[in-house]
């Protein structure tokens, strides 16, 4: 349900993208207790786009960086949580991508703007209702898992094991 958009003008390898996606899922789980399989991450390379700052065109490499991460989440999170997420995102970026010159993260933004959502045919819960919603929809999750949906297989396995829904010992799972 949450969407993280990584807009970057520095080249990111697949390994860096995978590392960031994994880190963002773990950070979201840590702060908001949302299963990692519900965290969506999108990478947008803006290196060939026309970008404006202050009303004027920014030319590269004049602008050393336009790397930005925006997270779209449900409203109602405490500002200290959102600040913590931004700090964790910045730390993860530095560890995975770097922090000098074109590799610097320009901004990490948390936007509490998802007022309503529906995913996989289910209405998404409010900020405070997630755990009960997960219990209420376990039958739906099991049905999707039995039908071969890998994201739901990981979710169900983790919930049944009392885990954190990231996957068994951080193993990488690929949607098929």
C-alpha atoms as a PDB file:
ATOM      1  CA  UNK A   1       0.000   0.000   0.000  1.00  0.00           C
ATOM      2  CA  UNK A   2       2.675   2.574   0.765  1.00  0.00           C
ATOM      3  CA  UNK A   3       4.579   3.786  -2.274  1.00  0.00           C
ATOM      4  CA  UNK A   4       8.196   4.896  -2.198  1.00  0.00           C
ATOM      5  CA  UNK A   5       9.369   6.759  -5.301  1.00  0.00           C
ATOM      6  CA  UNK A   6      13.101   7.068  -5.771  1.00  0.00           C
ATOM      7  CA  UNK A   7      13.845   9.813  -8.310  1.00  0.00           C
ATOM      8  CA  UNK A   8      17.523   9.861  -9.170  1.00  0.00           C
ATOM      9  CA  UNK A   9      19.939  11.437 -11.593  1.00  0.00           C
ATOM     10  CA  UNK A  10      22.895   9.311 -10.504  1.00  0.00           C
ATOM     11  CA  UNK A  11      23.138   5.879 -12.095  1.00  0.00           C
ATOM     12  CA  UNK A  12      21.825   3.153  -9.769  1.00  0.00           C
ATOM     13  CA  UNK A  13      22.789  -0.453 -10.410  1.00  0.00           C
ATOM     14  CA  UNK A  14      20.253  -3.252 -10.006  1.00  0.00           C
ATOM     15  CA  UNK A  15      22.119  -4.267  -6.847  1.00  0.00           C
ATOM     16  CA  UNK A  16      21.732  -0.745  -5.434  1.00  0.00           C
ATOM     17  CA  UNK A  17      18.049  -0.643  -6.402  1.00  0.00           C
ATOM     18  CA  UNK A  18      17.446  -4.041  -4.783  1.00  0.00           C
ATOM     19  CA  UNK A  19      19.334  -2.924  -1.684  1.00  0.00           C
ATOM     20  CA  UNK A  20      17.291   0.265  -1.406  1.00  0.00           C
ATOM     21  CA  UNK A  21      14.001  -1.565  -1.993  1.00  0.00           C
ATOM     22  CA  UNK A  22      14.869  -4.097   0.709  1.00  0.00           C
ATOM     23  CA  UNK A  23      15.973  -1.365   3.113  1.00  0.00           C
ATOM     24  CA  UNK A  24      12.800   0.672   2.497  1.00  0.00           C
ATOM     25  CA  UNK A  25      10.606  -2.368   3.176  1.00  0.00           C
ATOM     26  CA  UNK A  26      12.498  -3.087   6.407  1.00  0.00           C
ATOM     27  CA  UNK A  27      12.346   0.573   7.488  1.00  0.00           C
ATOM     28  CA  UNK A  28       8.608   0.748   6.798  1.00  0.00           C
ATOM     29  CA  UNK A  29       8.043  -2.461   8.751  1.00  0.00           C
ATOM     30  CA  UNK A  30      10.156  -1.175  11.664  1.00  0.00           C
ATOM     31  CA  UNK A  31       8.227   2.072  12.013  1.00  0.00           C
ATOM     32  CA  UNK A  32       4.702   1.197  10.851  1.00  0.00           C
ATOM     33  CA  UNK A  33       4.431  -2.603  11.216  1.00  0.00           C
ATOM     34  CA  UNK A  34       3.168  -3.000   7.658  1.00  0.00           C
ATOM     35  CA  UNK A  35       4.203  -6.286   6.019  1.00  0.00           C
ATOM     36  CA  UNK A  36       7.136  -5.812   3.684  1.00  0.00           C
ATOM     37  CA  UNK A  37       5.225  -7.441   0.848  1.00  0.00           C
ATOM     38  CA  UNK A  38       2.815  -4.465   0.885  1.00  0.00           C
ATOM     39  CA  UNK A  39       5.595  -1.880   0.438  1.00  0.00           C
ATOM     40  CA  UNK A  40       5.924  -0.713  -3.172  1.00  0.00           C
ATOM     41  CA  UNK A  41       9.110   0.917  -4.470  1.00  0.00           C
ATOM     42  CA  UNK A  42       9.452   2.633  -7.844  1.00  0.00           C
ATOM     43  CA  UNK A  43      12.686   3.947  -9.346  1.00  0.00           C
ATOM     44  CA  UNK A  44      12.562   6.916 -11.741  1.00  0.00           C
ATOM     45  CA  UNK A  45      15.758   7.902 -13.563  1.00  0.00           C
ATOM     46  CA  UNK A  46      15.526  11.659 -14.205  1.00  0.00           C
ATOM     47  CA  UNK A  47      19.011  12.044 -15.679  1.00  0.00           C
ATOM     48  CA  UNK A  48      17.625  12.581 -19.188  1.00  0.00           C
ATOM     49  CA  UNK A  49      14.650  14.708 -18.182  1.00  0.00           C
ATOM     50  CA  UNK A  50      14.365  18.473 -18.199  1.00  0.00           C
ATOM     51  CA  UNK A  51      14.290  19.563 -14.566  1.00  0.00           C
ATOM     52  CA  UNK A  52      13.476  23.038 -13.257  1.00  0.00           C
ATOM     53  CA  UNK A  53      14.501  24.539  -9.926  1.00  0.00           C
ATOM     54  CA  UNK A  54      13.456  28.049  -8.977  1.00  0.00           C
ATOM     55  CA  UNK A  55      11.787  28.449 -12.355  1.00  0.00           C
ATOM     56  CA  UNK A  56      14.936  27.827 -14.374  1.00  0.00           C
ATOM     57  CA  UNK A  57      16.256  24.772 -16.165  1.00  0.00           C
ATOM     58  CA  UNK A  58      18.841  22.816 -14.208  1.00  0.00           C
ATOM     59  CA  UNK A  59      21.635  21.478 -16.340  1.00  0.00           C
ATOM     60  CA  UNK A  60      23.791  18.569 -15.300  1.00  0.00           C
ATOM     61  CA  UNK A  61      26.417  18.437 -13.919  1.00  0.00           C
ATOM     62  CA  UNK A  62      25.778  22.011 -12.739  1.00  0.00           C
ATOM     63  CA  UNK A  63      23.251  20.605 -10.295  1.00  0.00           C
ATOM     64  CA  UNK A  64      25.278  18.030  -8.419  1.00  0.00           C
ATOM     65  CA  UNK A  65      22.289  15.996  -7.403  1.00  0.00           C
ATOM     66  CA  UNK A  66      18.567  15.643  -7.794  1.00  0.00           C
ATOM     67  CA  UNK A  67      18.266  12.355  -5.923  1.00  0.00           C
ATOM     68  CA  UNK A  68      15.026  12.421  -3.986  1.00  0.00           C
ATOM     69  CA  UNK A  69      12.905   9.868  -2.208  1.00  0.00           C
ATOM     70  CA  UNK A  70       9.183  10.455  -1.704  1.00  0.00           C
ATOM     71  CA  UNK A  71       7.032   8.159   0.392  1.00  0.00           C
ATOM     72  CA  UNK A  72       3.266   8.191   0.053  1.00  0.00           C
ATOM     73  CA  UNK A  73       1.678   6.854   3.252  1.00  0.00           C
ATOM     74  CA  UNK A  74      -1.603   7.034   5.168  1.00  0.00           C
ATOM     75  CA  UNK A  75      -2.245  10.249   7.134  1.00  0.00           C
ATOM     76  CA  UNK A  76      -2.175  10.068  10.916  1.00  0.00           C
ATOM     77  CA  UNK A  77       1.425   9.084  11.626  1.00  0.00           C
ATOM     78  CA  UNK A  78       3.211  10.966  14.374  1.00  0.00           C
ATOM     79  CA  UNK A  79       5.791  13.509  13.145  1.00  0.00           C
ATOM     80  CA  UNK A  80       8.504  11.883  15.259  1.00  0.00           C
ATOM     81  CA  UNK A  81       7.836   8.596  13.415  1.00  0.00           C
ATOM     82  CA  UNK A  82       8.024  10.323  10.047  1.00  0.00           C
ATOM     83  CA  UNK A  83      11.254  12.085  11.039  1.00  0.00           C
ATOM     84  CA  UNK A  84      12.666   8.719  12.155  1.00  0.00           C
ATOM     85  CA  UNK A  85      11.766   7.150   8.826  1.00  0.00           C
ATOM     86  CA  UNK A  86      13.474  10.018   6.958  1.00  0.00           C
ATOM     87  CA  UNK A  87      16.612   9.578   9.068  1.00  0.00           C
ATOM     88  CA  UNK A  88      16.655   5.810   8.470  1.00  0.00           C
ATOM     89  CA  UNK A  89      16.131   6.347   4.729  1.00  0.00           C
ATOM     90  CA  UNK A  90      19.028   8.819   4.605  1.00  0.00           C
ATOM     91  CA  UNK A  91      21.274   6.402   6.485  1.00  0.00           C
ATOM     92  CA  UNK A  92      20.331   3.503   4.193  1.00  0.00           C
ATOM     93  CA  UNK A  93      20.964   5.650   1.092  1.00  0.00           C
ATOM     94  CA  UNK A  94      24.436   6.596   2.345  1.00  0.00           C
ATOM     95  CA  UNK A  95      25.284   2.949   3.055  1.00  0.00           C
ATOM     96  CA  UNK A  96      23.935   1.588  -0.239  1.00  0.00           C
ATOM     97  CA  UNK A  97      24.524   4.417  -2.734  1.00  0.00           C
ATOM     98  CA  UNK A  98      26.910   6.922  -1.146  1.00  0.00           C
ATOM     99  CA  UNK A  99      26.775  10.566  -0.127  1.00  0.00           C
ATOM    100  CA  UNK A 100      29.348  12.540  -2.100  1.00  0.00           C
ATOM    101  CA  UNK A 101      28.685  14.643  -5.199  1.00  0.00           C
ATOM    102  CA  UNK A 102      26.151  13.115  -7.571  1.00  0.00           C
ATOM    103  CA  UNK A 103      25.498  10.284  -5.087  1.00  0.00           C
ATOM    104  CA  UNK A 104      24.096  12.546  -2.359  1.00  0.00           C
ATOM    105  CA  UNK A 105      20.428  12.175  -1.400  1.00  0.00           C
ATOM    106  CA  UNK A 106      18.863  15.605  -1.960  1.00  0.00           C
ATOM    107  CA  UNK A 107      15.674  14.975   0.041  1.00  0.00           C
ATOM    108  CA  UNK A 108      13.632  12.306   1.813  1.00  0.00           C
ATOM    109  CA  UNK A 109       9.976  13.300   1.996  1.00  0.00           C
ATOM    110  CA  UNK A 110       7.131  11.573   3.828  1.00  0.00           C
ATOM    111  CA  UNK A 111       3.735  12.508   2.380  1.00  0.00           C
ATOM    112  CA  UNK A 112       0.730  11.429   4.446  1.00  0.00           C
ATOM    113  CA  UNK A 113      -1.701  11.693   1.564  1.00  0.00           C
ATOM    114  CA  UNK A 114      -3.231   8.253   0.982  1.00  0.00           C
ATOM    115  CA  UNK A 115      -6.721   8.935   2.344  1.00  0.00           C
ATOM    116  CA  UNK A 116      -8.219   5.728   0.978  1.00  0.00           C
ATOM    117  CA  UNK A 117      -6.815   2.772  -0.889  1.00  0.00           C
ATOM    118  CA  UNK A 118      -7.756  -0.592  -2.293  1.00  0.00           C
ATOM    119  CA  UNK A 119      -5.175  -3.215  -3.077  1.00  0.00           C
ATOM    120  CA  UNK A 120      -5.675  -6.771  -4.300  1.00  0.00           C
ATOM    121  CA  UNK A 121      -9.419  -6.154  -4.006  1.00  0.00           C
ATOM    122  CA  UNK A 122      -9.261  -5.240  -0.310  1.00  0.00           C
ATOM    123  CA  UNK A 123      -9.806  -1.830   1.232  1.00  0.00           C
ATOM    124  CA  UNK A 124      -6.641  -0.776   3.057  1.00  0.00           C
ATOM    125  CA  UNK A 125      -6.883  -0.178   6.796  1.00  0.00           C
ATOM    126  CA  UNK A 126      -6.392   3.092   8.628  1.00  0.00           C
ATOM    127  CA  UNK A 127      -3.124   3.767  10.429  1.00  0.00           C
ATOM    128  CA  UNK A 128      -4.307   2.322  13.760  1.00  0.00           C
ATOM    129  CA  UNK A 129      -6.250  -0.633  12.322  1.00  0.00           C
ATOM    130  CA  UNK A 130      -3.525  -2.616  10.567  1.00  0.00           C
ATOM    131  CA  UNK A 131      -3.056  -5.542  12.946  1.00  0.00           C
ATOM    132  CA  UNK A 132      -6.780  -6.302  13.232  1.00  0.00           C
ATOM    133  CA  UNK A 133      -7.155  -5.881   9.464  1.00  0.00           C
ATOM    134  CA  UNK A 134      -4.395  -8.454   8.936  1.00  0.00           C
ATOM    135  CA  UNK A 135      -6.201 -10.950  11.204  1.00  0.00           C
ATOM    136  CA  UNK A 136      -9.566 -10.240   9.549  1.00  0.00           C
ATOM    137  CA  UNK A 137      -8.165 -10.915   6.060  1.00  0.00           C
ATOM    138  CA  UNK A 138      -5.959 -13.909   6.782  1.00  0.00           C
ATOM    139  CA  UNK A 139      -8.381 -16.128   4.824  1.00  0.00           C
ATOM    140  CA  UNK A 140      -8.013 -13.872   1.774  1.00  0.00           C
ATOM    141  CA  UNK A 141      -4.224 -13.962   2.133  1.00  0.00           C
ATOM    142  CA  UNK A 142      -4.186 -17.780   2.396  1.00  0.00           C
ATOM    143  CA  UNK A 143      -6.362 -18.081  -0.711  1.00  0.00           C
ATOM    144  CA  UNK A 144      -4.005 -15.883  -2.753  1.00  0.00           C
ATOM    145  CA  UNK A 145      -0.983 -17.785  -1.396  1.00  0.00           C
ATOM    146  CA  UNK A 146      -2.550 -21.106  -2.355  1.00  0.00           C
ATOM    147  CA  UNK A 147      -3.138 -19.698  -5.831  1.00  0.00           C
ATOM    148  CA  UNK A 148       0.598 -19.164  -6.261  1.00  0.00           C
ATOM    149  CA  UNK A 149       1.000 -15.472  -5.356  1.00  0.00           C
ATOM    150  CA  UNK A 150       4.538 -15.366  -3.943  1.00  0.00           C
ATOM    151  CA  UNK A 151       4.017 -12.086  -2.049  1.00  0.00           C
ATOM    152  CA  UNK A 152       1.119 -13.646  -0.172  1.00  0.00           C
ATOM    153  CA  UNK A 153       3.012 -16.908   0.371  1.00  0.00           C
ATOM    154  CA  UNK A 154       5.751 -14.927   2.126  1.00  0.00           C
ATOM    155  CA  UNK A 155       3.165 -12.946   4.094  1.00  0.00           C
ATOM    156  CA  UNK A 156       1.236 -16.026   5.262  1.00  0.00           C
ATOM    157  CA  UNK A 157       4.384 -18.016   6.092  1.00  0.00           C
ATOM    158  CA  UNK A 158       5.732 -15.143   8.123  1.00  0.00           C
ATOM    159  CA  UNK A 159       2.468 -14.442   9.955  1.00  0.00           C
ATOM    160  CA  UNK A 160       2.011 -18.113  10.822  1.00  0.00           C
ATOM    161  CA  UNK A 161       5.584 -18.273  12.122  1.00  0.00           C
ATOM    162  CA  UNK A 162       5.038 -15.129  14.189  1.00  0.00           C
ATOM    163  CA  UNK A 163       7.556 -13.319  12.000  1.00  0.00           C
ATOM    164  CA  UNK A 164       7.815  -9.847  10.646  1.00  0.00           C
ATOM    165  CA  UNK A 165       6.552 -10.535   7.114  1.00  0.00           C
ATOM    166  CA  UNK A 166       9.891  -9.650   5.522  1.00  0.00           C
ATOM    167  CA  UNK A 167      10.618 -13.236   4.611  1.00  0.00           C
ATOM    168  CA  UNK A 168      12.501 -16.064   6.203  1.00  0.00           C
ATOM    169  CA  UNK A 169      15.839 -14.746   7.415  1.00  0.00           C
ATOM    170  CA  UNK A 170      15.833 -12.026   4.772  1.00  0.00           C
ATOM    171  CA  UNK A 171      15.753 -14.467   1.855  1.00  0.00           C
ATOM    172  CA  UNK A 172      14.983 -12.876  -1.449  1.00  0.00           C
ATOM    173  CA  UNK A 173      11.663 -13.819  -3.023  1.00  0.00           C
ATOM    174  CA  UNK A 174      10.760 -12.965  -6.584  1.00  0.00           C
ATOM    175  CA  UNK A 175       7.233 -12.458  -7.900  1.00  0.00           C
ATOM    176  CA  UNK A 176       6.467 -14.850 -10.714  1.00  0.00           C
END
